[in-house]
Amino acid sequence: MMNETIAALFVLFGVTVLALAYVLRPLWEDRSRGEAPARPALQAQYERVLGMLRDLETDWRTGKIPDEDYHELRRRYLEEGAALLRALQEEGEKETIDWKARVEAAVQARRAQLRRKGP
């Protein structure tokens, strides 16, 4: 009876540890990727800012937002959108550079392979 209880506690502990590892894994992976958000996340943020700008424009045109607030919010949203667009372009340049490096490495590897085979 005592051995069964201890075995059940070990099994329960093991299942709990596995469940926690499964649930917390995305948090560990995000930190290991570095500080820069991934391209899809940047794209989603950029689209969110564009939507906010459209909504702001609509609210201002319908008189829901005073001119002073509209101009300040518009300036903030435009700055945020510009920063996100720059980050997207930088992320795209990184991907392009990485892609070019991969292609170049593959070409060099193929040339070396052909040289070893001979004519």
C-alpha atoms as a PDB file:
ATOM      1  CA  MET A   1       0.000   0.000   0.000  1.00  0.00           C
ATOM      2  CA  MET A   2       2.779   2.424   0.892  1.00  0.00           C
ATOM      3  CA  ASN A   3       4.788   1.545  -2.236  1.00  0.00           C
ATOM      4  CA  GLU A   4       1.745   2.177  -4.436  1.00  0.00           C
ATOM      5  CA  THR A   5       1.252   5.603  -2.886  1.00  0.00           C
ATOM      6  CA  ILE A   6       4.889   6.532  -3.421  1.00  0.00           C
ATOM      7  CA  ALA A   7       4.776   5.268  -7.015  1.00  0.00           C
ATOM      8  CA  ALA A   8       1.593   7.275  -7.664  1.00  0.00           C
ATOM      9  CA  LEU A   9       3.236  10.411  -6.257  1.00  0.00           C
ATOM     10  CA  PHE A  10       6.276   9.930  -8.514  1.00  0.00           C
ATOM     11  CA  VAL A  11       4.044   9.466 -11.555  1.00  0.00           C
ATOM     12  CA  LEU A  12       2.002  12.539 -10.619  1.00  0.00           C
ATOM     13  CA  PHE A  13       5.192  14.550 -10.129  1.00  0.00           C
ATOM     14  CA  GLY A  14       6.551  13.400 -13.501  1.00  0.00           C
ATOM     15  CA  VAL A  15       3.337  14.272 -15.318  1.00  0.00           C
ATOM     16  CA  THR A  16       3.292  17.702 -13.641  1.00  0.00           C
ATOM     17  CA  VAL A  17       6.879  18.433 -14.690  1.00  0.00           C
ATOM     18  CA  LEU A  18       6.154  17.374 -18.281  1.00  0.00           C
ATOM     19  CA  ALA A  19       2.986  19.499 -18.415  1.00  0.00           C
ATOM     20  CA  LEU A  20       4.840  22.547 -17.076  1.00  0.00           C
ATOM     21  CA  ALA A  21       7.654  22.057 -19.571  1.00  0.00           C
ATOM     22  CA  TYR A  22       5.139  21.835 -22.410  1.00  0.00           C
ATOM     23  CA  VAL A  23       3.262  24.953 -21.286  1.00  0.00           C
ATOM     24  CA  LEU A  24       6.366  27.059 -20.594  1.00  0.00           C
ATOM     25  CA  ARG A  25       8.353  26.013 -23.688  1.00  0.00           C
ATOM     26  CA  PRO A  26       7.174  28.951 -25.846  1.00  0.00           C
ATOM     27  CA  LEU A  27       8.464  31.397 -23.232  1.00  0.00           C
ATOM     28  CA  TRP A  28      11.920  29.841 -23.305  1.00  0.00           C
ATOM     29  CA  GLU A  29      11.987  29.709 -27.108  1.00  0.00           C
ATOM     30  CA  ASP A  30      11.082  33.403 -27.469  1.00  0.00           C
ATOM     31  CA  ARG A  31      13.988  34.410 -25.250  1.00  0.00           C
ATOM     32  CA  SER A  32      16.432  32.197 -27.092  1.00  0.00           C
ATOM     33  CA  ARG A  33      15.581  33.775 -30.440  1.00  0.00           C
ATOM     34  CA  GLY A  34      17.007  37.142 -29.433  1.00  0.00           C
ATOM     35  CA  GLU A  35      15.501  40.531 -28.827  1.00  0.00           C
ATOM     36  CA  ALA A  36      14.225  41.289 -32.316  1.00  0.00           C
ATOM     37  CA  PRO A  37      10.699  40.126 -33.034  1.00  0.00           C
ATOM     38  CA  ALA A  38      10.192  37.779 -35.941  1.00  0.00           C
ATOM     39  CA  ARG A  39       9.033  39.141 -39.291  1.00  0.00           C
ATOM     40  CA  PRO A  40       5.417  37.918 -38.915  1.00  0.00           C
ATOM     41  CA  ALA A  41       5.157  39.663 -35.548  1.00  0.00           C
ATOM     42  CA  LEU A  42       6.535  42.893 -37.015  1.00  0.00           C
ATOM     43  CA  GLN A  43       4.118  42.625 -39.944  1.00  0.00           C
ATOM     44  CA  ALA A  44       1.180  42.122 -37.557  1.00  0.00           C
ATOM     45  CA  GLN A  45       2.216  45.151 -35.489  1.00  0.00           C
ATOM     46  CA  TYR A  46       2.589  47.257 -38.635  1.00  0.00           C
ATOM     47  CA  GLU A  47      -0.874  46.255 -39.860  1.00  0.00           C
ATOM     48  CA  ARG A  48      -2.300  47.024 -36.409  1.00  0.00           C
ATOM     49  CA  VAL A  49      -0.830  50.545 -36.570  1.00  0.00           C
ATOM     50  CA  LEU A  50      -2.252  51.076 -40.060  1.00  0.00           C
ATOM     51  CA  GLY A  51      -5.670  50.039 -38.771  1.00  0.00           C
ATOM     52  CA  MET A  52      -5.340  52.434 -35.866  1.00  0.00           C
ATOM     53  CA  LEU A  53      -4.499  55.247 -38.291  1.00  0.00           C
ATOM     54  CA  ARG A  54      -7.563  54.440 -40.407  1.00  0.00           C
ATOM     55  CA  ASP A  55      -9.793  54.366 -37.324  1.00  0.00           C
ATOM     56  CA  LEU A  56      -8.298  57.611 -36.067  1.00  0.00           C
ATOM     57  CA  GLU A  57      -8.971  59.296 -39.410  1.00  0.00           C
ATOM     58  CA  THR A  58     -12.577  58.079 -39.387  1.00  0.00           C
ATOM     59  CA  ASP A  59     -13.138  59.214 -35.799  1.00  0.00           C
ATOM     60  CA  TRP A  60     -11.667  62.641 -36.555  1.00  0.00           C
ATOM     61  CA  ARG A  61     -13.768  63.102 -39.687  1.00  0.00           C
ATOM     62  CA  THR A  62     -16.941  62.205 -37.776  1.00  0.00           C
ATOM     63  CA  GLY A  63     -16.077  64.647 -34.986  1.00  0.00           C
ATOM     64  CA  LYS A  64     -15.416  62.081 -32.263  1.00  0.00           C
ATOM     65  CA  ILE A  65     -11.855  63.336 -31.698  1.00  0.00           C
ATOM     66  CA  PRO A  66     -10.785  66.997 -31.307  1.00  0.00           C
ATOM     67  CA  ASP A  67      -8.183  68.409 -33.700  1.00  0.00           C
ATOM     68  CA  GLU A  68      -5.449  68.659 -31.044  1.00  0.00           C
ATOM     69  CA  ASP A  69      -5.813  64.994 -30.049  1.00  0.00           C
ATOM     70  CA  TYR A  70      -6.039  63.899 -33.668  1.00  0.00           C
ATOM     71  CA  HIS A  71      -2.774  65.573 -34.664  1.00  0.00           C
ATOM     72  CA  GLU A  72      -0.895  64.233 -31.629  1.00  0.00           C
ATOM     73  CA  LEU A  73      -2.182  60.667 -32.062  1.00  0.00           C
ATOM     74  CA  ARG A  74      -1.571  60.757 -35.792  1.00  0.00           C
ATOM     75  CA  ARG A  75       2.027  61.860 -35.229  1.00  0.00           C
ATOM     76  CA  ARG A  76       2.595  59.029 -32.699  1.00  0.00           C
ATOM     77  CA  TYR A  77       1.049  56.384 -34.950  1.00  0.00           C
ATOM     78  CA  LEU A  78       3.041  57.575 -37.965  1.00  0.00           C
ATOM     79  CA  GLU A  79       6.280  57.432 -35.962  1.00  0.00           C
ATOM     80  CA  GLU A  80       5.456  53.932 -34.712  1.00  0.00           C
ATOM     81  CA  GLY A  81       4.528  52.811 -38.224  1.00  0.00           C
ATOM     82  CA  ALA A  82       7.738  54.244 -39.669  1.00  0.00           C
ATOM     83  CA  ALA A  83       9.832  52.464 -37.027  1.00  0.00           C
ATOM     84  CA  LEU A  84       8.058  49.178 -37.731  1.00  0.00           C
ATOM     85  CA  LEU A  85       8.514  49.624 -41.467  1.00  0.00           C
ATOM     86  CA  ARG A  86      12.248  50.239 -40.972  1.00  0.00           C
ATOM     87  CA  ALA A  87      12.460  47.133 -38.782  1.00  0.00           C
ATOM     88  CA  LEU A  88      10.635  45.114 -41.446  1.00  0.00           C
ATOM     89  CA  GLN A  89      13.033  46.338 -44.117  1.00  0.00           C
ATOM     90  CA  GLU A  90      16.038  45.518 -41.932  1.00  0.00           C
ATOM     91  CA  GLU A  91      14.601  42.071 -41.226  1.00  0.00           C
ATOM     92  CA  GLY A  92      14.088  41.580 -44.958  1.00  0.00           C
ATOM     93  CA  GLU A  93      17.666  42.624 -45.665  1.00  0.00           C
ATOM     94  CA  LYS A  94      18.925  40.118 -43.097  1.00  0.00           C
ATOM     95  CA  GLU A  95      16.900  37.378 -44.738  1.00  0.00           C
ATOM     96  CA  THR A  96      18.210  38.385 -48.154  1.00  0.00           C
ATOM     97  CA  ILE A  97      21.798  38.421 -46.942  1.00  0.00           C
ATOM     98  CA  ASP A  98      21.351  35.055 -45.255  1.00  0.00           C
ATOM     99  CA  TRP A  99      19.750  33.639 -48.389  1.00  0.00           C
ATOM    100  CA  LYS A 100      22.537  34.913 -50.617  1.00  0.00           C
ATOM    101  CA  ALA A 101      25.123  33.452 -48.239  1.00  0.00           C
ATOM    102  CA  ARG A 102      23.353  30.101 -48.314  1.00  0.00           C
ATOM    103  CA  VAL A 103      23.224  30.073 -52.092  1.00  0.00           C
ATOM    104  CA  GLU A 104      26.863  31.077 -52.339  1.00  0.00           C
ATOM    105  CA  ALA A 105      27.857  28.338 -49.889  1.00  0.00           C
ATOM    106  CA  ALA A 106      25.886  25.773 -51.889  1.00  0.00           C
ATOM    107  CA  VAL A 107      27.547  26.878 -55.135  1.00  0.00           C
ATOM    108  CA  GLN A 108      31.004  26.681 -53.547  1.00  0.00           C
ATOM    109  CA  ALA A 109      30.249  23.229 -52.143  1.00  0.00           C
ATOM    110  CA  ARG A 110      29.044  22.010 -55.540  1.00  0.00           C
ATOM    111  CA  ARG A 111      32.165  23.396 -57.269  1.00  0.00           C
ATOM    112  CA  ALA A 112      34.393  21.663 -54.725  1.00  0.00           C
ATOM    113  CA  GLN A 113      32.469  18.431 -55.268  1.00  0.00           C
ATOM    114  CA  LEU A 114      32.893  18.701 -59.046  1.00  0.00           C
ATOM    115  CA  ARG A 115      36.626  19.424 -58.680  1.00  0.00           C
ATOM    116  CA  ARG A 116      37.063  16.279 -56.603  1.00  0.00           C
ATOM    117  CA  LYS A 117      35.304  14.161 -59.225  1.00  0.00           C
ATOM    118  CA  GLY A 118      37.515  15.555 -61.943  1.00  0.00           C
ATOM    119  CA  PRO A 119      36.734  15.944 -65.677  1.00  0.00           C
END
